[in-house]
Amino acid sequence: MNGIRVLLVDDHPVIRALLRQVLEAYSDIVIVAEAEDGEEAVNLATIHQPAVVLIDLHLPRLSGVEATKLIRLQSPGTAIIGLTAGEPDDREIEIISAGASAVLNKADVFQELYPSITKAVRLASFYPAHLNKSAAASSD
């Protein structure tokens, strides 16, 4: 499978379907799996080793923040993009601190999703996992 391997994580099937629909328009994106909770996300990330995980901040069984921490430990080369539907809150800061490359509002997925994925992949491959995320952020 060639292309940017993506794992979709959201507890709402309609949101996952929307994300899939948006991403299927790009020939260089491959959806490798979908998860509906944080525990499933960690397991699928370990199995599929995606280049990018798109993960909702608010998930059952294991929050998006906690899942991000575990995914980063098990798959340090995987870029993670947090997704939120609400007003900015502390979870956005927490998921960035946990290792996410960015946080997107779900209302902006049509315009921002693909550029965010390609940027996250570039940064993840340019800055090895052992380097501080702040070094990557300062290059923008």
C-alpha atoms as a PDB file:
ATOM      1  CA  MET A   1       0.000   0.000   0.000  1.00  0.00           C
ATOM      2  CA  ASN A   2       1.600   3.220  -1.140  1.00  0.00           C
ATOM      3  CA  GLY A   3       0.573   6.603   0.202  1.00  0.00           C
ATOM      4  CA  ILE A   4       0.165   8.280   3.559  1.00  0.00           C
ATOM      5  CA  ARG A   5      -1.273   5.661   5.918  1.00  0.00           C
ATOM      6  CA  VAL A   6      -3.978   7.150   8.156  1.00  0.00           C
ATOM      7  CA  LEU A   7      -5.857   5.800  11.177  1.00  0.00           C
ATOM      8  CA  LEU A   8      -9.222   7.490  11.894  1.00  0.00           C
ATOM      9  CA  VAL A   9     -10.360   7.639  15.527  1.00  0.00           C
ATOM     10  CA  ASP A  10     -13.742   9.050  16.566  1.00  0.00           C
ATOM     11  CA  ASP A  11     -16.572   7.586  18.613  1.00  0.00           C
ATOM     12  CA  HIS A  12     -19.179   8.897  16.161  1.00  0.00           C
ATOM     13  CA  PRO A  13     -19.536   6.747  13.015  1.00  0.00           C
ATOM     14  CA  VAL A  14     -20.889   9.724  11.045  1.00  0.00           C
ATOM     15  CA  ILE A  15     -17.751  11.767  11.790  1.00  0.00           C
ATOM     16  CA  ARG A  16     -15.517   8.858  10.784  1.00  0.00           C
ATOM     17  CA  ALA A  17     -17.487   8.514   7.542  1.00  0.00           C
ATOM     18  CA  LEU A  18     -17.100  12.250   6.869  1.00  0.00           C
ATOM     19  CA  LEU A  19     -13.342  12.107   7.501  1.00  0.00           C
ATOM     20  CA  ARG A  20     -13.066   9.083   5.230  1.00  0.00           C
ATOM     21  CA  GLN A  21     -15.046  10.848   2.498  1.00  0.00           C
ATOM     22  CA  VAL A  22     -12.848  13.947   2.683  1.00  0.00           C
ATOM     23  CA  LEU A  23      -9.624  11.927   2.594  1.00  0.00           C
ATOM     24  CA  GLU A  24     -10.672   9.516  -0.152  1.00  0.00           C
ATOM     25  CA  ALA A  25     -10.558  12.474  -2.559  1.00  0.00           C
ATOM     26  CA  TYR A  26      -6.742  12.371  -2.302  1.00  0.00           C
ATOM     27  CA  SER A  27      -4.950   9.597  -4.163  1.00  0.00           C
ATOM     28  CA  ASP A  28      -1.976   9.671  -1.778  1.00  0.00           C
ATOM     29  CA  ILE A  29      -4.048   8.929   1.356  1.00  0.00           C
ATOM     30  CA  VAL A  30      -4.751   5.357   2.470  1.00  0.00           C
ATOM     31  CA  ILE A  31      -7.142   4.771   5.378  1.00  0.00           C
ATOM     32  CA  VAL A  32      -5.666   1.711   7.112  1.00  0.00           C
ATOM     33  CA  ALA A  33      -8.214   1.381   9.921  1.00  0.00           C
ATOM     34  CA  GLU A  34     -10.869   3.108  12.022  1.00  0.00           C
ATOM     35  CA  ALA A  35     -11.358   3.070  15.785  1.00  0.00           C
ATOM     36  CA  GLU A  36     -14.236   4.214  17.975  1.00  0.00           C
ATOM     37  CA  ASP A  37     -12.404   4.548  21.299  1.00  0.00           C
ATOM     38  CA  GLY A  38      -8.960   5.241  22.676  1.00  0.00           C
ATOM     39  CA  GLU A  39      -8.055   1.653  23.556  1.00  0.00           C
ATOM     40  CA  GLU A  40      -8.921   0.458  20.067  1.00  0.00           C
ATOM     41  CA  ALA A  41      -6.889   3.359  18.629  1.00  0.00           C
ATOM     42  CA  VAL A  42      -3.762   2.293  20.524  1.00  0.00           C
ATOM     43  CA  ASN A  43      -4.173  -1.342  19.433  1.00  0.00           C
ATOM     44  CA  LEU A  44      -4.782  -0.456  15.779  1.00  0.00           C
ATOM     45  CA  ALA A  45      -1.890   2.015  15.712  1.00  0.00           C
ATOM     46  CA  THR A  46       0.401  -0.740  16.976  1.00  0.00           C
ATOM     47  CA  ILE A  47      -0.860  -3.208  14.359  1.00  0.00           C
ATOM     48  CA  HIS A  48      -1.034  -0.894  11.322  1.00  0.00           C
ATOM     49  CA  GLN A  49       1.789   1.583  12.081  1.00  0.00           C
ATOM     50  CA  PRO A  50       0.064   4.503  10.316  1.00  0.00           C
ATOM     51  CA  ALA A  51       1.970   7.616   9.323  1.00  0.00           C
ATOM     52  CA  VAL A  52      -0.820   9.743  10.832  1.00  0.00           C
ATOM     53  CA  VAL A  53      -3.495   9.212  13.462  1.00  0.00           C
ATOM     54  CA  LEU A  54      -6.499  11.548  13.384  1.00  0.00           C
ATOM     55  CA  ILE A  55      -7.942  11.322  16.888  1.00  0.00           C
ATOM     56  CA  ASP A  56     -10.864  12.932  18.669  1.00  0.00           C
ATOM     57  CA  LEU A  57      -9.929  14.509  21.979  1.00  0.00           C
ATOM     58  CA  HIS A  58     -13.012  13.153  23.771  1.00  0.00           C
ATOM     59  CA  LEU A  59     -13.242   9.364  23.469  1.00  0.00           C
ATOM     60  CA  PRO A  60     -14.708   6.574  25.588  1.00  0.00           C
ATOM     61  CA  ARG A  61     -12.575   4.007  27.454  1.00  0.00           C
ATOM     62  CA  LEU A  62      -9.366   6.024  26.991  1.00  0.00           C
ATOM     63  CA  SER A  63      -9.283   9.724  26.161  1.00  0.00           C
ATOM     64  CA  GLY A  64      -7.654  11.073  23.022  1.00  0.00           C
ATOM     65  CA  VAL A  65      -4.930  12.568  25.209  1.00  0.00           C
ATOM     66  CA  GLU A  66      -4.143   9.286  26.971  1.00  0.00           C
ATOM     67  CA  ALA A  67      -4.287   7.353  23.696  1.00  0.00           C
ATOM     68  CA  THR A  68      -1.894   9.867  22.133  1.00  0.00           C
ATOM     69  CA  LYS A  69       0.621   9.325  24.939  1.00  0.00           C
ATOM     70  CA  LEU A  70       0.521   5.557  24.422  1.00  0.00           C
ATOM     71  CA  ILE A  71       0.680   5.757  20.633  1.00  0.00           C
ATOM     72  CA  ARG A  72       3.690   8.088  20.823  1.00  0.00           C
ATOM     73  CA  LEU A  73       5.438   5.616  23.168  1.00  0.00           C
ATOM     74  CA  GLN A  74       4.743   2.610  20.938  1.00  0.00           C
ATOM     75  CA  SER A  75       5.054   4.342  17.560  1.00  0.00           C
ATOM     76  CA  PRO A  76       7.235   7.438  17.961  1.00  0.00           C
ATOM     77  CA  GLY A  77       7.378   8.055  14.199  1.00  0.00           C
ATOM     78  CA  THR A  78       3.594   8.347  13.905  1.00  0.00           C
ATOM     79  CA  ALA A  79       2.239  11.884  13.578  1.00  0.00           C
ATOM     80  CA  ILE A  80      -0.933  12.583  15.553  1.00  0.00           C
ATOM     81  CA  ILE A  81      -3.549  15.239  14.841  1.00  0.00           C
ATOM     82  CA  GLY A  82      -6.176  15.906  17.486  1.00  0.00           C
ATOM     83  CA  LEU A  83      -9.745  16.668  16.457  1.00  0.00           C
ATOM     84  CA  THR A  84     -12.236  18.727  18.435  1.00  0.00           C
ATOM     85  CA  ALA A  85     -15.782  19.881  17.837  1.00  0.00           C
ATOM     86  CA  GLY A  86     -16.107  22.419  20.591  1.00  0.00           C
ATOM     87  CA  GLU A  87     -14.634  25.612  21.869  1.00  0.00           C
ATOM     88  CA  PRO A  88     -10.918  25.572  22.716  1.00  0.00           C
ATOM     89  CA  ASP A  89     -10.203  23.998  26.092  1.00  0.00           C
ATOM     90  CA  ASP A  90      -7.373  22.521  28.146  1.00  0.00           C
ATOM     91  CA  ARG A  91      -7.566  19.221  26.234  1.00  0.00           C
ATOM     92  CA  GLU A  92      -6.007  20.919  23.209  1.00  0.00           C
ATOM     93  CA  ILE A  93      -2.950  21.920  25.241  1.00  0.00           C
ATOM     94  CA  GLU A  94      -2.834  18.460  26.826  1.00  0.00           C
ATOM     95  CA  ILE A  95      -2.862  16.593  23.517  1.00  0.00           C
ATOM     96  CA  ILE A  96      -0.099  18.817  22.095  1.00  0.00           C
ATOM     97  CA  SER A  97       1.911  18.191  25.271  1.00  0.00           C
ATOM     98  CA  ALA A  98       1.253  14.456  24.813  1.00  0.00           C
ATOM     99  CA  GLY A  99       2.865  14.577  21.371  1.00  0.00           C
ATOM    100  CA  ALA A 100       0.227  15.617  18.846  1.00  0.00           C
ATOM    101  CA  SER A 101       1.427  17.749  15.945  1.00  0.00           C
ATOM    102  CA  ALA A 102      -1.739  19.834  15.721  1.00  0.00           C
ATOM    103  CA  VAL A 103      -5.360  20.190  16.776  1.00  0.00           C
ATOM    104  CA  LEU A 104      -8.096  20.846  14.219  1.00  0.00           C
ATOM    105  CA  ASN A 105     -11.674  21.849  14.722  1.00  0.00           C
ATOM    106  CA  LYS A 106     -13.941  19.376  12.933  1.00  0.00           C
ATOM    107  CA  ALA A 107     -15.736  22.316  11.328  1.00  0.00           C
ATOM    108  CA  ASP A 108     -12.524  23.048   9.389  1.00  0.00           C
ATOM    109  CA  VAL A 109     -11.831  19.550   8.036  1.00  0.00           C
ATOM    110  CA  PHE A 110     -12.730  20.349   4.448  1.00  0.00           C
ATOM    111  CA  GLN A 111     -10.095  23.092   4.210  1.00  0.00           C
ATOM    112  CA  GLU A 112      -7.479  22.085   6.774  1.00  0.00           C
ATOM    113  CA  LEU A 113      -7.381  18.297   7.012  1.00  0.00           C
ATOM    114  CA  TYR A 114      -5.227  17.365   4.022  1.00  0.00           C
ATOM    115  CA  PRO A 115      -2.710  20.215   4.460  1.00  0.00           C
ATOM    116  CA  SER A 116      -2.404  19.348   8.154  1.00  0.00           C
ATOM    117  CA  ILE A 117      -1.756  15.687   7.381  1.00  0.00           C
ATOM    118  CA  THR A 118       0.939  16.399   4.808  1.00  0.00           C
ATOM    119  CA  LYS A 119       2.616  18.928   7.094  1.00  0.00           C
ATOM    120  CA  ALA A 120       2.534  16.521  10.055  1.00  0.00           C
ATOM    121  CA  VAL A 121       4.105  13.777   7.933  1.00  0.00           C
ATOM    122  CA  ARG A 122       6.849  16.115   6.720  1.00  0.00           C
ATOM    123  CA  LEU A 123       7.662  17.241  10.251  1.00  0.00           C
ATOM    124  CA  ALA A 124       7.578  13.689  11.629  1.00  0.00           C
ATOM    125  CA  SER A 125      10.036  12.518   8.994  1.00  0.00           C
ATOM    126  CA  PHE A 126      12.241  15.611   9.233  1.00  0.00           C
ATOM    127  CA  TYR A 127      12.458  15.690  13.035  1.00  0.00           C
ATOM    128  CA  PRO A 128      13.281  12.287  14.529  1.00  0.00           C
ATOM    129  CA  ALA A 129      11.074  11.255  17.437  1.00  0.00           C
ATOM    130  CA  HIS A 130      13.794  11.844  20.029  1.00  0.00           C
ATOM    131  CA  LEU A 131      13.975  15.562  19.200  1.00  0.00           C
ATOM    132  CA  ASN A 132      11.873  18.036  21.137  1.00  0.00           C
ATOM    133  CA  LYS A 133       8.565  18.961  19.463  1.00  0.00           C
ATOM    134  CA  SER A 134       9.301  22.610  20.151  1.00  0.00           C
ATOM    135  CA  ALA A 135      12.163  22.441  17.652  1.00  0.00           C
ATOM    136  CA  ALA A 136       9.712  21.353  14.959  1.00  0.00           C
ATOM    137  CA  ALA A 137       7.207  24.038  15.941  1.00  0.00           C
ATOM    138  CA  SER A 138       9.809  26.776  15.790  1.00  0.00           C
ATOM    139  CA  SER A 139      10.605  25.957  12.163  1.00  0.00           C
ATOM    140  CA  ASP A 140       7.184  27.190  10.948  1.00  0.00           C
END
